[in-house]
Amino acid sequence: MTDTPAAADLNILFIGGLHRSGTSMLHQLLRAHPHISGFTKTGVPMDEGQHLQTIYPNGKVHGGPGRFGFDSRAFMDENHPLATTANAAALVAEWGKHWDFSKRLLIEKSPPNLIRTRFLQALFPKARFVLIFRHPVVVAYATLKACNSPISVLIEHTLRCYERALLDMQLLNAVHLMHYEELVSAPQSTIDRILHFANMGEFKFKSNVLTDLNERYFENWISEQAKIVEDAEKLEPGWLSRTEARCQFLGYTLSNTEYHGRKIHAPEKIRGITH
């Protein structure tokens, strides 16, 4: 039996991204690597680590999918009162029930990790982070059934969380930002980059990644966009132009589902954004 390591020595990779943005698919692909241990068959939703611990509140406490980013308490950093060495050890004990510590890399996936990277880094100093973004319109429609909020509000939620993640990235020691659209168009090369980032060896994955899931959501947007924009502009004049600019900063546009390959090197451009 492998001894449980100290939190400070743990080689862990946290996956973060909004619900329905590809985090589960990424988690499943990575845990297939022979030297990686991820949660599986745990009995909790999508084998997410947030549901396998009792130290900090999970996303549901803050409203769940499409809503948790509107609760300021959901944003956690190194100054949070729960960011203690004792809690780090407690998390290792709880998560350790589902990890194989003989593996070279441990992974944990939970959507709220997106806005809790600094908190998790405070607990696990050697942690690495992989953050996945997906088209804000697609995330909005994919999340609709879970919270039944207006599409414009769900788009705002997506942008708010992504922008916070970019700001927090400036204080992380090891972070890899990726896009869902890259993963589904070129899964092997996208995973290869993550493995290189995590200092893991090459591994050929067997996957049946669906490549056209964005399109069916965007068809709804095309047919409903005029009404959605009209309603949003009544509440917030200039909503469309501001939202388009924010989407473009992330490499997206409201006019189609493509990711334009823009590399985000200047998060300072969104400094001053407060939520």
Protein backbone atom coordinates (compact mmCIF):
# COMPACT_ATOMS: atom_id res chain seq x y z
CA MET A 1 0.00 0.00 0.00
CA THR A 2 1.37 3.41 -0.98
CA ASP A 3 1.69 5.92 1.83
CA THR A 4 -0.41 9.05 1.66
CA PRO A 5 1.86 11.96 0.68
CA ALA A 6 1.83 15.38 2.29
CA ALA A 7 -0.25 18.02 0.52
CA ALA A 8 2.83 20.14 -0.13
CA ASP A 9 4.42 17.27 -2.07
CA LEU A 10 1.35 16.26 -4.05
CA ASN A 11 1.73 16.20 -7.83
CA ILE A 12 -1.82 17.15 -8.72
CA LEU A 13 -3.45 18.66 -11.78
CA PHE A 14 -6.74 20.48 -11.30
CA ILE A 15 -9.17 20.77 -14.21
CA GLY A 16 -11.50 23.75 -14.19
CA GLY A 17 -14.14 25.06 -16.56
CA LEU A 18 -17.82 25.83 -16.53
CA HIS A 19 -20.46 23.12 -16.59
CA ARG A 20 -20.94 21.69 -20.08
CA SER A 21 -17.62 23.07 -21.29
CA GLY A 22 -15.81 19.77 -21.76
CA THR A 23 -14.26 19.23 -18.33
CA SER A 24 -15.71 15.73 -17.96
CA MET A 25 -14.50 14.66 -21.40
CA LEU A 26 -11.03 16.01 -20.66
CA HIS A 27 -10.99 14.25 -17.28
CA GLN A 28 -11.96 10.93 -18.87
CA LEU A 29 -9.28 11.22 -21.54
CA LEU A 30 -6.51 12.09 -19.12
CA ARG A 31 -7.30 9.44 -16.54
CA ALA A 32 -6.87 6.78 -19.24
CA HIS A 33 -3.13 7.46 -19.11
CA PRO A 34 -1.41 4.55 -17.30
CA HIS A 35 0.51 6.89 -14.99
CA ILE A 36 -2.39 9.19 -14.09
CA SER A 37 -4.99 8.62 -11.38
CA GLY A 38 -8.36 10.35 -11.60
CA PHE A 39 -11.64 9.77 -9.83
CA THR A 40 -13.92 7.14 -11.33
CA LYS A 41 -17.01 5.21 -10.24
CA THR A 42 -17.30 7.36 -7.13
CA GLY A 43 -21.09 7.58 -7.18
CA VAL A 44 -21.12 11.39 -7.21
CA PRO A 45 -22.10 13.57 -10.20
CA MET A 46 -19.47 13.30 -12.94
CA ASP A 47 -16.88 12.05 -10.43
CA GLU A 48 -16.21 15.63 -9.37
CA GLY A 49 -13.91 16.18 -6.42
CA GLN A 50 -16.08 18.99 -5.10
CA HIS A 51 -18.63 16.34 -4.12
CA LEU A 52 -16.05 14.07 -2.48
CA GLN A 53 -14.92 16.45 0.25
CA THR A 54 -16.36 18.31 3.24
CA ILE A 55 -13.84 21.15 3.55
CA TYR A 56 -15.23 23.84 1.26
CA PRO A 57 -18.68 24.49 -0.29
CA ASN A 58 -19.43 22.94 -3.66
CA GLY A 59 -20.92 24.88 -6.56
CA LYS A 60 -24.48 23.93 -5.68
CA VAL A 61 -24.24 25.94 -2.47
CA HIS A 62 -23.70 29.04 -4.62
CA GLY A 63 -26.53 28.34 -7.05
CA GLY A 64 -25.14 25.54 -9.21
CA PRO A 65 -24.60 25.56 -13.00
CA GLY A 66 -25.02 28.96 -14.63
CA ARG A 67 -25.36 30.73 -11.30
CA PHE A 68 -22.45 30.07 -8.95
CA GLY A 69 -20.32 32.80 -10.55
CA PHE A 70 -22.85 35.45 -9.50
CA ASP A 71 -22.20 34.67 -5.82
CA SER A 72 -19.09 36.52 -4.66
CA ARG A 73 -18.56 33.87 -1.96
CA ALA A 74 -17.84 31.30 -4.68
CA PHE A 75 -14.62 33.12 -5.62
CA MET A 76 -11.90 31.76 -3.37
CA ASP A 77 -8.22 32.68 -3.19
CA GLU A 78 -5.18 32.34 -0.95
CA ASN A 79 -6.70 34.77 1.55
CA HIS A 80 -9.76 32.63 2.18
CA PRO A 81 -10.04 31.45 5.81
CA LEU A 82 -10.27 27.85 4.62
CA ALA A 83 -6.86 28.04 2.93
CA THR A 84 -4.96 26.29 5.73
CA THR A 85 -2.44 23.45 5.91
CA ALA A 86 -4.85 21.50 8.11
CA ASN A 87 -7.56 21.70 5.45
CA ALA A 88 -5.07 20.68 2.78
CA ALA A 89 -4.26 17.54 4.75
CA ALA A 90 -7.97 16.87 5.28
CA LEU A 91 -8.59 17.13 1.53
CA VAL A 92 -5.78 14.69 0.80
CA ALA A 93 -7.36 12.26 3.24
CA GLU A 94 -10.80 12.57 1.66
CA TRP A 95 -9.71 12.59 -1.97
CA GLY A 96 -7.08 9.97 -1.27
CA LYS A 97 -9.82 7.36 -0.86
CA HIS A 98 -10.35 7.63 -4.63
CA TRP A 99 -6.78 8.17 -5.88
CA ASP A 100 -3.98 5.71 -6.56
CA PHE A 101 -0.97 7.38 -4.97
CA SER A 102 1.39 5.06 -6.83
CA LYS A 103 0.64 7.02 -10.03
CA ARG A 104 2.89 9.88 -11.12
CA LEU A 105 0.09 12.41 -11.50
CA LEU A 106 -3.23 12.86 -9.71
CA ILE A 107 -6.11 14.78 -11.29
CA GLU A 108 -9.23 16.36 -9.88
CA LYS A 109 -12.01 17.94 -11.93
CA SER A 110 -14.73 20.29 -10.74
CA PRO A 111 -16.23 23.23 -12.69
CA PRO A 112 -15.83 25.77 -9.82
CA ASN A 113 -12.07 25.13 -9.89
CA LEU A 114 -12.14 27.76 -12.64
CA ILE A 115 -12.57 30.53 -10.09
CA ARG A 116 -10.76 28.86 -7.18
CA THR A 117 -7.31 28.30 -8.63
CA ARG A 118 -5.50 30.57 -6.20
CA PHE A 119 -7.22 28.90 -3.26
CA LEU A 120 -6.23 25.45 -4.49
CA GLN A 121 -2.66 26.59 -5.15
CA ALA A 122 -2.43 27.86 -1.57
CA LEU A 123 -3.38 24.37 -0.37
CA PHE A 124 -1.25 22.48 -2.90
CA PRO A 125 1.85 24.54 -3.81
CA LYS A 126 2.99 22.15 -6.57
CA ALA A 127 -0.42 22.07 -8.24
CA ARG A 128 -0.87 22.55 -11.96
CA PHE A 129 -4.08 23.85 -13.55
CA VAL A 130 -5.74 23.15 -16.87
CA LEU A 131 -8.57 25.58 -17.61
CA ILE A 132 -10.94 24.94 -20.50
CA PHE A 133 -13.03 27.62 -22.21
CA ARG A 134 -15.94 27.04 -24.60
CA HIS A 135 -18.00 29.43 -26.74
CA PRO A 136 -20.10 31.53 -24.30
CA VAL A 137 -23.28 31.15 -26.39
CA VAL A 138 -22.88 27.38 -26.48
CA VAL A 139 -22.22 27.16 -22.73
CA ALA A 140 -25.34 29.27 -22.15
CA TYR A 141 -27.62 27.00 -24.17
CA ALA A 142 -26.03 23.81 -22.84
CA THR A 143 -26.63 25.02 -19.28
CA LEU A 144 -30.18 26.26 -19.88
CA LYS A 145 -31.98 23.15 -18.64
CA ALA A 146 -30.00 23.15 -15.41
CA CYS A 147 -31.03 26.62 -14.27
CA ASN A 148 -33.60 28.05 -16.74
CA SER A 149 -32.08 31.54 -16.69
CA PRO A 150 -32.31 33.91 -19.70
CA ILE A 151 -29.65 33.22 -22.32
CA SER A 152 -28.23 36.73 -21.97
CA VAL A 153 -27.76 36.13 -18.24
CA LEU A 154 -26.07 32.79 -18.87
CA ILE A 155 -23.71 34.41 -21.36
CA GLU A 156 -22.87 37.03 -18.74
CA HIS A 157 -22.20 34.29 -16.20
CA THR A 158 -19.82 32.56 -18.59
CA LEU A 159 -17.90 35.74 -19.39
CA ARG A 160 -17.73 36.77 -15.75
CA CYS A 161 -16.18 33.45 -14.71
CA TYR A 162 -13.73 33.38 -17.64
CA GLU A 163 -12.59 36.92 -16.95
CA ARG A 164 -12.02 36.15 -13.29
CA ALA A 165 -10.05 33.06 -14.25
CA LEU A 166 -7.81 35.14 -16.51
CA LEU A 167 -7.13 37.62 -13.74
CA ASP A 168 -6.28 34.85 -11.29
CA MET A 169 -4.00 33.14 -13.83
CA GLN A 170 -1.47 35.93 -13.35
CA LEU A 171 -0.75 34.59 -9.85
CA LEU A 172 -0.50 30.90 -10.70
CA ASN A 173 2.77 29.04 -10.91
CA ALA A 174 1.68 26.53 -13.57
CA VAL A 175 -1.43 26.94 -15.72
CA HIS A 176 -2.46 25.78 -19.18
CA LEU A 177 -5.38 27.48 -20.91
CA MET A 178 -7.19 25.57 -23.64
CA HIS A 179 -10.39 25.75 -25.64
CA TYR A 180 -13.05 23.08 -26.04
CA GLU A 181 -13.07 23.71 -29.77
CA GLU A 182 -9.40 22.73 -29.95
CA LEU A 183 -10.04 19.53 -28.03
CA VAL A 184 -12.83 18.29 -30.29
CA SER A 185 -11.10 19.25 -33.53
CA ALA A 186 -7.71 17.76 -32.64
CA PRO A 187 -8.00 15.65 -29.48
CA GLN A 188 -4.64 13.89 -29.64
CA SER A 189 -2.51 16.98 -30.23
CA THR A 190 -4.48 18.91 -27.61
CA ILE A 191 -3.92 16.16 -25.04
CA ASP A 192 -0.27 15.95 -26.05
CA ARG A 193 0.18 19.60 -25.10
CA ILE A 194 -1.41 18.98 -21.71
CA LEU A 195 0.82 15.96 -21.07
CA HIS A 196 3.87 18.03 -21.99
CA PHE A 197 2.69 20.77 -19.62
CA ALA A 198 2.30 18.16 -16.85
CA ASN A 199 5.69 16.56 -17.56
CA MET A 200 4.09 13.27 -18.51
CA GLY A 201 5.11 10.89 -21.28
CA GLU A 202 3.32 10.55 -24.59
CA PHE A 203 0.21 8.40 -24.77
CA LYS A 204 -2.08 7.56 -27.68
CA PHE A 205 -5.70 7.94 -26.71
CA LYS A 206 -8.66 6.00 -28.01
CA SER A 207 -11.52 8.45 -28.18
CA ASN A 208 -14.75 9.00 -30.07
CA VAL A 209 -14.92 12.75 -29.58
CA LEU A 210 -17.95 14.34 -31.22
CA THR A 211 -16.96 17.38 -33.24
CA ASP A 212 -20.24 19.11 -34.09
CA LEU A 213 -21.96 19.62 -30.74
CA ASN A 214 -21.55 23.40 -30.84
CA GLU A 215 -23.57 23.71 -34.03
CA ARG A 216 -26.90 22.48 -32.70
CA TYR A 217 -26.78 24.99 -29.85
CA PHE A 218 -25.81 27.80 -32.18
CA GLU A 219 -28.79 27.04 -34.41
CA ASN A 220 -31.00 28.02 -31.47
CA TRP A 221 -29.01 31.22 -31.03
CA ILE A 222 -29.42 32.18 -34.69
CA SER A 223 -33.20 31.76 -34.53
CA GLU A 224 -33.60 33.50 -31.17
CA GLN A 225 -30.82 36.08 -31.21
CA ALA A 226 -32.93 39.08 -32.25
CA LYS A 227 -35.37 38.66 -29.37
CA ILE A 228 -32.63 37.89 -26.83
CA VAL A 229 -30.65 40.96 -27.83
CA GLU A 230 -33.76 43.16 -27.84
CA ASP A 231 -34.66 42.12 -24.30
CA ALA A 232 -31.09 42.48 -23.06
CA GLU A 233 -30.72 45.95 -24.59
CA LYS A 234 -33.88 47.12 -22.84
CA LEU A 235 -32.32 46.26 -19.48
CA GLU A 236 -28.76 47.24 -20.39
CA PRO A 237 -28.32 49.57 -23.39
CA GLY A 238 -25.18 48.65 -25.31
CA TRP A 239 -25.30 45.03 -24.15
CA LEU A 240 -24.60 43.60 -27.60
CA SER A 241 -21.51 45.65 -28.40
CA ARG A 242 -19.98 45.14 -24.96
CA THR A 243 -20.71 41.42 -24.97
CA GLU A 244 -19.28 41.00 -28.46
CA ALA A 245 -16.08 42.77 -27.40
CA ARG A 246 -15.72 40.52 -24.36
CA CYS A 247 -16.31 37.42 -26.47
CA GLN A 248 -13.72 38.54 -29.01
CA PHE A 249 -11.15 38.95 -26.27
CA LEU A 250 -11.58 35.23 -25.57
CA GLY A 251 -11.23 34.35 -29.25
CA TYR A 252 -14.95 34.03 -29.97
CA THR A 253 -17.66 36.04 -31.69
CA LEU A 254 -21.43 36.09 -31.35
CA SER A 255 -21.77 35.69 -35.11
CA ASN A 256 -20.54 32.08 -35.32
CA THR A 257 -19.33 29.13 -33.26
CA GLU A 258 -15.71 29.19 -34.33
CA TYR A 259 -12.72 29.70 -32.10
CA HIS A 260 -10.32 31.97 -33.96
CA GLY A 261 -7.16 30.69 -32.37
CA ARG A 262 -6.32 33.91 -30.60
CA LYS A 263 -3.81 33.40 -27.82
CA ILE A 264 -4.65 35.32 -24.68
CA HIS A 265 -1.40 36.88 -23.51
CA ALA A 266 -2.64 40.12 -21.99
CA PRO A 267 -5.06 39.58 -19.11
CA GLU A 268 -4.07 43.05 -17.91
CA LYS A 269 -6.56 44.34 -20.48
CA ILE A 270 -9.37 43.21 -18.21
CA ARG A 271 -7.91 44.55 -15.00
CA GLY A 272 -10.37 46.75 -13.24
CA ILE A 273 -13.23 44.33 -13.85
CA THR A 274 -14.86 43.63 -10.51
CA HIS A 275 -17.59 41.14 -9.77
